């Protein structure tokens, strides 16, 4: 669920596990907000909530809701960094397209030269848009960079005093 702080305009996103719990980043302007996700492991949250499916509402205003089903849990591979991008498909929608309905209308309009909004939407896109054209490598690179940044680092050695 996405909440916007009135003074900052920064979106606050959180993950909901049914009606029982919500996790995200705390916001001092929203004291009854989500539990602090920075202090939890996803596995612990899933076990505590007793669910295998979670909902992630990316954009409250446009209604981009993602349902994530945990199919199975496996042991971590030794030496591997997490998170990892395993598989991805399809190009993401443009920002401010108007949510799932707006995206569907956009696809319909660009696919039909006789559509009343075809020219308008093509001009707004400013480029050729193929929803199936997708190169997963830049995404994998970004996820790998996050995994590296988030990985646990060994404690720094303190210099010995002579």
N, C-alpha and C. Protein backbone atom coordinates (compact mmCIF):
# COMPACT_ATOMS: atom_id res chain seq x y z
N UNK A 1 0.86 -1.16 0.00
CA UNK A 1 0.00 0.00 0.00
C UNK A 1 0.90 1.22 0.00
N UNK A 2 0.54 2.21 -0.72
CA UNK A 2 1.41 3.35 -0.90
C UNK A 2 0.78 4.55 -0.21
N UNK A 3 1.51 5.15 0.69
CA UNK A 3 1.04 6.34 1.36
C UNK A 3 2.00 7.47 1.02
N UNK A 4 1.50 8.67 0.87
CA UNK A 4 2.37 9.78 0.55
C UNK A 4 2.37 10.75 1.71
N UNK A 5 3.56 11.05 2.20
CA UNK A 5 3.73 11.99 3.28
C UNK A 5 3.34 13.38 2.77
N UNK A 6 2.49 14.07 3.49
CA UNK A 6 1.97 15.35 3.02
C UNK A 6 3.07 16.38 2.79
N UNK A 7 4.08 16.40 3.66
CA UNK A 7 5.10 17.43 3.51
C UNK A 7 6.22 17.02 2.55
N UNK A 8 6.47 15.74 2.38
CA UNK A 8 7.60 15.34 1.55
C UNK A 8 7.19 14.95 0.13
N UNK A 9 5.97 14.46 -0.04
CA UNK A 9 5.55 13.98 -1.33
C UNK A 9 6.21 12.67 -1.72
N UNK A 10 6.94 12.04 -0.80
CA UNK A 10 7.65 10.80 -1.08
C UNK A 10 6.69 9.63 -0.89
N UNK A 11 6.57 8.78 -1.90
CA UNK A 11 5.67 7.63 -1.76
C UNK A 11 6.16 6.67 -0.70
N UNK A 12 5.24 6.14 0.09
CA UNK A 12 5.56 5.12 1.09
C UNK A 12 4.89 3.84 0.61
N UNK A 13 5.70 2.85 0.29
CA UNK A 13 5.16 1.60 -0.20
C UNK A 13 5.27 0.55 0.88
N UNK A 14 4.32 -0.35 0.93
CA UNK A 14 4.46 -1.45 1.87
C UNK A 14 3.81 -2.69 1.34
N UNK A 15 4.16 -3.78 1.97
CA UNK A 15 3.69 -5.09 1.58
C UNK A 15 2.67 -5.55 2.59
N UNK A 16 1.58 -6.10 2.11
CA UNK A 16 0.51 -6.58 2.97
C UNK A 16 0.45 -8.10 2.90
N UNK A 17 0.32 -8.72 4.08
CA UNK A 17 0.16 -10.17 4.18
C UNK A 17 -1.25 -10.41 4.69
N UNK A 18 -2.22 -10.33 3.82
CA UNK A 18 -3.60 -10.45 4.24
C UNK A 18 -3.97 -9.25 5.10
N UNK A 19 -4.94 -9.42 5.96
CA UNK A 19 -5.38 -8.31 6.81
C UNK A 19 -4.57 -8.23 8.09
N UNK A 20 -3.66 -9.22 8.30
CA UNK A 20 -3.01 -9.33 9.60
C UNK A 20 -1.81 -8.43 9.80
N UNK A 21 -1.02 -8.21 8.78
CA UNK A 21 0.17 -7.40 9.01
C UNK A 21 0.58 -6.66 7.76
N UNK A 22 1.23 -5.53 7.99
CA UNK A 22 1.75 -4.71 6.91
C UNK A 22 3.16 -4.31 7.29
N UNK A 23 4.06 -4.45 6.35
CA UNK A 23 5.45 -4.14 6.59
C UNK A 23 5.90 -3.11 5.57
N UNK A 24 6.79 -2.23 5.96
CA UNK A 24 7.31 -1.21 5.05
C UNK A 24 8.30 -0.34 5.78
N UNK A 25 8.42 0.90 5.34
CA UNK A 25 9.29 1.86 6.00
C UNK A 25 8.45 2.76 6.89
N UNK A 26 8.83 2.89 8.16
CA UNK A 26 8.07 3.76 9.06
C UNK A 26 8.10 5.21 8.60
N UNK A 27 7.05 5.91 8.91
CA UNK A 27 6.95 7.32 8.54
C UNK A 27 6.45 8.08 9.76
N UNK A 28 7.23 9.07 10.25
CA UNK A 28 6.78 9.81 11.44
C UNK A 28 5.45 10.53 11.24
N UNK A 29 5.10 10.81 9.99
CA UNK A 29 3.82 11.47 9.71
C UNK A 29 2.66 10.48 9.69
N UNK A 30 2.96 9.20 9.83
CA UNK A 30 1.95 8.16 9.76
C UNK A 30 2.22 7.15 10.88
N UNK A 31 1.90 7.52 12.14
CA UNK A 31 2.28 6.69 13.28
C UNK A 31 1.65 5.30 13.31
N UNK A 32 0.52 5.11 12.69
CA UNK A 32 -0.12 3.79 12.66
C UNK A 32 0.26 3.02 11.40
N UNK A 33 1.37 3.40 10.80
CA UNK A 33 1.82 2.80 9.54
C UNK A 33 2.36 1.40 9.71
N UNK A 34 3.11 0.97 8.72
CA UNK A 34 3.56 -0.42 8.69
C UNK A 34 4.62 -0.72 9.74
N UNK A 35 4.80 -2.01 10.01
CA UNK A 35 5.88 -2.46 10.87
C UNK A 35 7.19 -2.25 10.11
N UNK A 36 8.27 -2.03 10.82
CA UNK A 36 9.55 -1.69 10.20
C UNK A 36 10.16 -2.90 9.50
N UNK A 37 10.11 -2.90 8.17
CA UNK A 37 10.63 -4.01 7.38
C UNK A 37 12.15 -4.07 7.38
N UNK A 38 12.79 -2.97 7.76
CA UNK A 38 14.26 -2.98 7.77
C UNK A 38 14.82 -3.90 8.85
N UNK A 39 13.98 -4.28 9.79
CA UNK A 39 14.43 -5.09 10.92
C UNK A 39 13.92 -6.52 10.84
N UNK A 40 13.52 -6.96 9.67
CA UNK A 40 12.92 -8.30 9.56
C UNK A 40 13.45 -9.03 8.34
N UNK A 41 13.43 -10.34 8.43
CA UNK A 41 13.74 -11.19 7.29
C UNK A 41 12.42 -11.65 6.70
N UNK A 42 12.37 -11.71 5.38
CA UNK A 42 11.14 -12.11 4.71
C UNK A 42 10.66 -13.47 5.19
N UNK A 43 11.56 -14.41 5.36
CA UNK A 43 11.18 -15.75 5.82
C UNK A 43 10.49 -15.67 7.18
N UNK A 44 11.02 -14.87 8.10
CA UNK A 44 10.41 -14.73 9.42
C UNK A 44 9.02 -14.12 9.33
N UNK A 45 8.87 -13.14 8.45
CA UNK A 45 7.56 -12.49 8.28
C UNK A 45 6.55 -13.49 7.71
N UNK A 46 6.96 -14.24 6.69
CA UNK A 46 6.06 -15.22 6.09
C UNK A 46 5.63 -16.27 7.11
N UNK A 47 6.59 -16.76 7.88
CA UNK A 47 6.26 -17.77 8.89
C UNK A 47 5.35 -17.19 9.97
N UNK A 48 5.64 -15.96 10.40
CA UNK A 48 4.83 -15.31 11.43
C UNK A 48 3.40 -15.07 10.95
N UNK A 49 3.26 -14.63 9.71
CA UNK A 49 1.93 -14.34 9.17
C UNK A 49 1.20 -15.60 8.73
N UNK A 50 1.95 -16.68 8.51
CA UNK A 50 1.33 -17.93 8.10
C UNK A 50 0.73 -17.88 6.71
N UNK A 51 1.38 -17.17 5.80
CA UNK A 51 0.88 -17.05 4.44
C UNK A 51 1.95 -17.44 3.43
N UNK A 52 1.51 -17.75 2.21
CA UNK A 52 2.42 -18.04 1.12
C UNK A 52 2.25 -17.04 -0.02
N UNK A 53 1.34 -16.10 0.16
CA UNK A 53 1.08 -15.11 -0.86
C UNK A 53 1.12 -13.73 -0.22
N UNK A 54 1.73 -12.80 -0.91
CA UNK A 54 1.74 -11.43 -0.41
C UNK A 54 1.34 -10.49 -1.53
N UNK A 55 0.82 -9.34 -1.14
CA UNK A 55 0.42 -8.31 -2.10
C UNK A 55 1.32 -7.11 -1.92
N UNK A 56 1.75 -6.58 -3.03
CA UNK A 56 2.60 -5.39 -3.02
C UNK A 56 1.91 -4.34 -3.87
N UNK A 57 1.47 -3.27 -3.23
CA UNK A 57 0.82 -2.18 -3.96
C UNK A 57 1.86 -1.13 -4.24
N UNK A 58 2.28 -1.03 -5.49
CA UNK A 58 3.36 -0.15 -5.90
C UNK A 58 2.90 1.29 -5.97
N UNK A 59 1.74 1.52 -6.50
CA UNK A 59 1.29 2.88 -6.73
C UNK A 59 -0.18 2.98 -6.32
N UNK A 60 -0.42 3.55 -5.14
CA UNK A 60 -1.75 3.62 -4.59
C UNK A 60 -2.73 4.32 -5.53
N UNK A 61 -2.28 5.43 -6.13
CA UNK A 61 -3.16 6.23 -7.00
C UNK A 61 -3.58 5.50 -8.26
N UNK A 62 -2.64 4.76 -8.87
CA UNK A 62 -2.94 4.08 -10.13
C UNK A 62 -3.33 2.62 -9.95
N UNK A 63 -3.10 2.06 -8.77
CA UNK A 63 -3.54 0.70 -8.50
C UNK A 63 -2.66 -0.40 -9.07
N UNK A 64 -1.35 -0.17 -9.17
CA UNK A 64 -0.45 -1.23 -9.62
C UNK A 64 -0.21 -2.18 -8.46
N UNK A 65 -0.98 -3.24 -8.42
CA UNK A 65 -0.85 -4.21 -7.35
C UNK A 65 -0.23 -5.49 -7.88
N UNK A 66 0.78 -5.98 -7.19
CA UNK A 66 1.46 -7.20 -7.58
C UNK A 66 1.17 -8.27 -6.54
N UNK A 67 0.84 -9.46 -6.99
CA UNK A 67 0.64 -10.60 -6.11
C UNK A 67 1.83 -11.51 -6.27
N UNK A 68 2.47 -11.83 -5.17
CA UNK A 68 3.66 -12.67 -5.18
C UNK A 68 3.35 -13.93 -4.41
N UNK A 69 3.46 -15.06 -5.09
CA UNK A 69 3.20 -16.35 -4.45
C UNK A 69 4.53 -17.04 -4.21
N UNK A 70 4.75 -17.44 -2.98
CA UNK A 70 5.96 -18.18 -2.62
C UNK A 70 5.70 -19.64 -2.98
N UNK A 71 6.41 -20.13 -3.99
CA UNK A 71 6.20 -21.50 -4.43
C UNK A 71 6.95 -22.50 -3.57
N UNK A 72 8.17 -22.14 -3.20
CA UNK A 72 8.94 -23.02 -2.32
C UNK A 72 10.11 -22.23 -1.76
N UNK A 73 10.58 -22.68 -0.62
CA UNK A 73 11.75 -22.08 0.00
C UNK A 73 12.89 -23.09 -0.11
N UNK A 74 14.04 -22.61 -0.51
CA UNK A 74 15.21 -23.48 -0.64
C UNK A 74 16.36 -22.86 0.12
N UNK A 75 17.33 -23.69 0.47
CA UNK A 75 18.51 -23.18 1.14
C UNK A 75 19.30 -22.28 0.19
N UNK A 76 19.93 -21.29 0.77
CA UNK A 76 20.76 -20.38 -0.02
C UNK A 76 21.96 -21.13 -0.59
N UNK A 77 22.35 -20.73 -1.78
CA UNK A 77 23.54 -21.32 -2.39
C UNK A 77 24.77 -20.69 -1.74
N UNK A 78 25.72 -21.49 -1.31
CA UNK A 78 26.94 -20.93 -0.70
C UNK A 78 27.64 -19.97 -1.65
N UNK A 79 27.97 -18.81 -1.15
CA UNK A 79 28.69 -17.82 -1.94
C UNK A 79 27.82 -16.94 -2.82
N UNK A 80 26.55 -17.28 -2.97
CA UNK A 80 25.66 -16.47 -3.82
C UNK A 80 25.16 -15.26 -3.04
N UNK A 81 25.00 -14.15 -3.75
CA UNK A 81 24.45 -12.95 -3.14
C UNK A 81 22.96 -12.89 -3.46
N UNK A 82 22.19 -12.36 -2.53
CA UNK A 82 20.75 -12.24 -2.70
C UNK A 82 20.33 -10.81 -2.40
N UNK A 83 19.27 -10.30 -3.06
CA UNK A 83 18.37 -11.00 -3.99
C UNK A 83 19.05 -11.25 -5.33
N UNK A 84 18.44 -12.16 -6.10
CA UNK A 84 18.90 -12.48 -7.45
C UNK A 84 17.72 -12.40 -8.40
N UNK A 85 17.99 -11.93 -9.58
CA UNK A 85 16.98 -11.95 -10.63
C UNK A 85 17.14 -13.26 -11.37
N UNK A 86 16.14 -14.11 -11.30
CA UNK A 86 16.20 -15.42 -11.92
C UNK A 86 15.58 -15.38 -13.31
N UNK A 87 14.42 -14.71 -13.40
CA UNK A 87 13.70 -14.68 -14.67
C UNK A 87 12.85 -13.42 -14.72
N UNK A 88 12.71 -12.86 -15.90
CA UNK A 88 11.85 -11.69 -16.08
C UNK A 88 11.39 -11.69 -17.54
N UNK A 89 10.23 -11.10 -17.77
CA UNK A 89 9.74 -11.00 -19.14
C UNK A 89 8.88 -9.76 -19.27
N UNK A 90 8.79 -9.25 -20.47
CA UNK A 90 7.92 -8.12 -20.77
C UNK A 90 8.48 -6.80 -20.30
N UNK A 91 8.27 -5.81 -21.11
CA UNK A 91 8.72 -4.45 -20.80
C UNK A 91 7.79 -3.81 -19.79
N UNK A 92 8.34 -3.03 -18.91
CA UNK A 92 7.51 -2.36 -17.92
C UNK A 92 6.71 -1.23 -18.57
N UNK A 93 5.55 -0.91 -18.02
CA UNK A 93 4.77 0.21 -18.54
C UNK A 93 5.48 1.54 -18.27
N UNK A 94 5.15 2.53 -19.05
CA UNK A 94 5.67 3.88 -18.83
C UNK A 94 5.09 4.43 -17.53
N UNK A 95 5.83 5.31 -16.89
CA UNK A 95 5.31 6.02 -15.71
C UNK A 95 4.10 6.85 -16.13
N UNK A 96 3.18 7.02 -15.21
CA UNK A 96 1.99 7.86 -15.41
C UNK A 96 1.11 7.43 -16.58
N UNK A 97 1.08 6.12 -16.85
CA UNK A 97 0.24 5.63 -17.94
C UNK A 97 -1.21 5.50 -17.49
N UNK A 98 -1.46 5.56 -16.19
CA UNK A 98 -2.84 5.50 -15.71
C UNK A 98 -3.24 4.15 -15.14
N UNK A 99 -2.27 3.43 -14.62
CA UNK A 99 -2.56 2.15 -13.99
C UNK A 99 -2.86 1.08 -15.01
N UNK A 100 -3.35 -0.07 -14.52
CA UNK A 100 -3.64 -1.19 -15.43
C UNK A 100 -4.62 -0.85 -16.54
N UNK A 101 -5.65 -0.07 -16.24
CA UNK A 101 -6.63 0.31 -17.28
C UNK A 101 -5.99 1.22 -18.32
N UNK A 102 -5.21 2.20 -17.85
CA UNK A 102 -4.54 3.12 -18.78
C UNK A 102 -3.54 2.39 -19.65
N UNK A 103 -2.84 1.42 -19.07
CA UNK A 103 -1.87 0.65 -19.83
C UNK A 103 -2.57 -0.18 -20.90
N UNK A 104 -3.69 -0.81 -20.54
CA UNK A 104 -4.45 -1.60 -21.52
C UNK A 104 -4.95 -0.70 -22.66
N UNK A 105 -5.42 0.50 -22.32
CA UNK A 105 -5.88 1.43 -23.36
C UNK A 105 -4.72 1.86 -24.24
N UNK A 106 -3.55 2.11 -23.63
CA UNK A 106 -2.37 2.50 -24.38
C UNK A 106 -2.00 1.41 -25.39
N UNK A 107 -1.96 0.15 -24.93
CA UNK A 107 -1.62 -0.96 -25.82
C UNK A 107 -2.63 -1.08 -26.97
N UNK A 108 -3.90 -0.90 -26.64
CA UNK A 108 -4.94 -0.96 -27.68
C UNK A 108 -4.74 0.15 -28.69
N UNK A 109 -4.47 1.36 -28.22
CA UNK A 109 -4.33 2.51 -29.11
C UNK A 109 -3.10 2.41 -30.01
N UNK A 110 -1.97 1.98 -29.47
CA UNK A 110 -0.77 1.91 -30.32
C UNK A 110 -0.82 0.74 -31.29
N UNK A 111 -1.65 -0.25 -30.98
CA UNK A 111 -1.79 -1.40 -31.87
C UNK A 111 -2.81 -1.22 -32.98
N UNK A 112 -3.54 -0.11 -32.94
CA UNK A 112 -4.61 0.12 -33.92
C UNK A 112 -4.50 1.53 -34.46
N UNK A 113 -4.03 1.66 -35.70
CA UNK A 113 -3.83 2.99 -36.30
C UNK A 113 -5.14 3.77 -36.44
N UNK A 114 -6.28 3.09 -36.39
CA UNK A 114 -7.58 3.76 -36.50
C UNK A 114 -8.13 4.17 -35.13
N UNK A 115 -7.46 3.79 -34.06
CA UNK A 115 -7.91 4.15 -32.71
C UNK A 115 -7.87 5.66 -32.57
N UNK A 116 -8.89 6.23 -31.93
CA UNK A 116 -9.00 7.69 -31.83
C UNK A 116 -7.83 8.33 -31.08
N UNK A 117 -7.12 7.59 -30.23
CA UNK A 117 -5.99 8.16 -29.47
C UNK A 117 -4.63 7.66 -29.97
N UNK A 118 -4.62 6.98 -31.11
CA UNK A 118 -3.37 6.40 -31.62
C UNK A 118 -2.26 7.45 -31.75
N UNK A 119 -2.53 8.51 -32.50
CA UNK A 119 -1.50 9.54 -32.74
C UNK A 119 -1.08 10.22 -31.44
N UNK A 120 -2.06 10.54 -30.60
CA UNK A 120 -1.78 11.22 -29.33
C UNK A 120 -0.85 10.37 -28.44
N UNK A 121 -1.15 9.09 -28.33
CA UNK A 121 -0.36 8.22 -27.46
C UNK A 121 1.01 7.95 -28.07
N UNK A 122 1.08 7.77 -29.39
CA UNK A 122 2.38 7.60 -30.04
C UNK A 122 3.26 8.83 -29.79
N UNK A 123 2.67 10.01 -29.88
CA UNK A 123 3.44 11.24 -29.63
C UNK A 123 3.88 11.31 -28.17
N UNK A 124 2.99 10.92 -27.25
CA UNK A 124 3.33 10.93 -25.82
C UNK A 124 4.46 9.96 -25.53
N UNK A 125 4.43 8.79 -26.16
CA UNK A 125 5.49 7.81 -25.94
C UNK A 125 6.83 8.32 -26.46
N UNK A 126 6.80 9.03 -27.58
CA UNK A 126 8.02 9.61 -28.12
C UNK A 126 9.00 8.58 -28.66
N UNK A 127 8.61 7.34 -28.74
CA UNK A 127 9.49 6.27 -29.22
C UNK A 127 8.63 5.09 -29.61
N UNK A 128 9.25 4.16 -30.29
CA UNK A 128 8.56 2.91 -30.60
C UNK A 128 8.41 2.13 -29.31
N UNK A 129 7.25 1.61 -29.03
CA UNK A 129 7.01 0.87 -27.79
C UNK A 129 6.52 -0.52 -28.13
N UNK A 130 7.32 -1.51 -27.79
CA UNK A 130 6.93 -2.90 -27.96
C UNK A 130 6.87 -3.51 -26.57
N UNK A 131 5.67 -3.87 -26.08
CA UNK A 131 5.56 -4.39 -24.71
C UNK A 131 6.28 -5.71 -24.50
N UNK A 132 6.59 -6.41 -25.57
CA UNK A 132 7.29 -7.70 -25.45
C UNK A 132 8.80 -7.54 -25.53
N UNK A 133 9.27 -6.42 -26.08
CA UNK A 133 10.71 -6.20 -26.22
C UNK A 133 11.31 -5.91 -24.85
N UNK A 134 12.19 -6.80 -24.42
CA UNK A 134 12.74 -6.66 -23.08
C UNK A 134 14.08 -7.35 -23.02
N UNK A 135 15.08 -6.63 -22.57
CA UNK A 135 16.41 -7.20 -22.35
C UNK A 135 16.59 -7.33 -20.85
N UNK A 136 16.62 -8.56 -20.31
CA UNK A 136 16.71 -8.73 -18.86
C UNK A 136 18.08 -8.41 -18.27
N UNK A 137 19.11 -8.29 -19.09
CA UNK A 137 20.46 -8.11 -18.56
C UNK A 137 20.64 -6.83 -17.75
N UNK A 138 20.15 -5.66 -18.19
CA UNK A 138 20.30 -4.47 -17.34
C UNK A 138 19.59 -4.62 -15.98
N UNK A 139 18.44 -5.28 -15.96
CA UNK A 139 17.74 -5.53 -14.70
C UNK A 139 18.56 -6.45 -13.81
N UNK A 140 19.10 -7.53 -14.39
CA UNK A 140 19.93 -8.45 -13.61
C UNK A 140 21.14 -7.73 -13.03
N UNK A 141 21.72 -6.83 -13.81
CA UNK A 141 22.89 -6.06 -13.34
C UNK A 141 22.51 -5.18 -12.17
N UNK A 142 21.35 -4.52 -12.25
CA UNK A 142 20.91 -3.65 -11.16
C UNK A 142 20.59 -4.45 -9.89
N UNK A 143 19.94 -5.60 -10.05
CA UNK A 143 19.63 -6.44 -8.89
C UNK A 143 20.92 -6.96 -8.26
N UNK A 144 21.88 -7.35 -9.09
CA UNK A 144 23.16 -7.84 -8.57
C UNK A 144 23.89 -6.74 -7.80
N UNK A 145 23.80 -5.50 -8.29
CA UNK A 145 24.43 -4.37 -7.60
C UNK A 145 23.77 -4.15 -6.24
N UNK A 146 22.44 -4.27 -6.18
CA UNK A 146 21.73 -4.15 -4.91
C UNK A 146 22.16 -5.27 -3.96
N UNK A 147 22.24 -6.48 -4.47
CA UNK A 147 22.63 -7.62 -3.63
C UNK A 147 24.02 -7.39 -3.05
N UNK A 148 24.91 -6.89 -3.86
CA UNK A 148 26.27 -6.62 -3.38
C UNK A 148 26.26 -5.54 -2.30
N UNK A 149 25.48 -4.49 -2.54
CA UNK A 149 25.40 -3.39 -1.57
C UNK A 149 24.77 -3.84 -0.26
N UNK A 150 23.77 -4.73 -0.35
CA UNK A 150 23.04 -5.17 0.84
C UNK A 150 23.69 -6.36 1.54
N UNK A 151 24.69 -6.97 0.92
CA UNK A 151 25.28 -8.17 1.52
C UNK A 151 25.95 -7.82 2.83
N UNK A 152 25.97 -8.82 3.70
CA UNK A 152 26.62 -8.63 4.99
C UNK A 152 28.12 -8.54 4.78
N UNK A 153 28.69 -7.54 5.35
CA UNK A 153 30.12 -7.34 5.22
C UNK A 153 30.79 -7.79 6.51
N UNK A 154 31.97 -8.39 6.42
CA UNK A 154 32.67 -8.77 7.65
C UNK A 154 33.02 -7.52 8.44
N UNK A 155 33.03 -7.62 9.76
CA UNK A 155 33.36 -6.44 10.56
C UNK A 155 34.75 -5.93 10.20
N UNK A 156 34.87 -4.63 10.17
CA UNK A 156 36.17 -4.02 9.85
C UNK A 156 37.15 -4.30 10.99
N UNK A 157 38.36 -4.60 10.61
CA UNK A 157 39.39 -4.84 11.63
C UNK A 157 39.83 -3.52 12.21
N UNK A 158 39.92 -3.52 13.54
CA UNK A 158 40.38 -2.31 14.22
C UNK A 158 41.90 -2.29 14.20
N UNK A 159 42.47 -1.12 13.95
CA UNK A 159 43.94 -1.06 13.96
C UNK A 159 44.48 -1.34 15.36
N UNK A 160 45.57 -2.07 15.38
CA UNK A 160 46.21 -2.39 16.66
C UNK A 160 46.98 -1.18 17.15
N UNK A 161 46.88 -0.98 18.42
CA UNK A 161 47.67 0.08 19.03
C UNK A 161 49.04 -0.49 19.37
N UNK A 162 50.08 0.23 19.04
CA UNK A 162 51.42 -0.27 19.30
C UNK A 162 51.85 -0.04 20.72
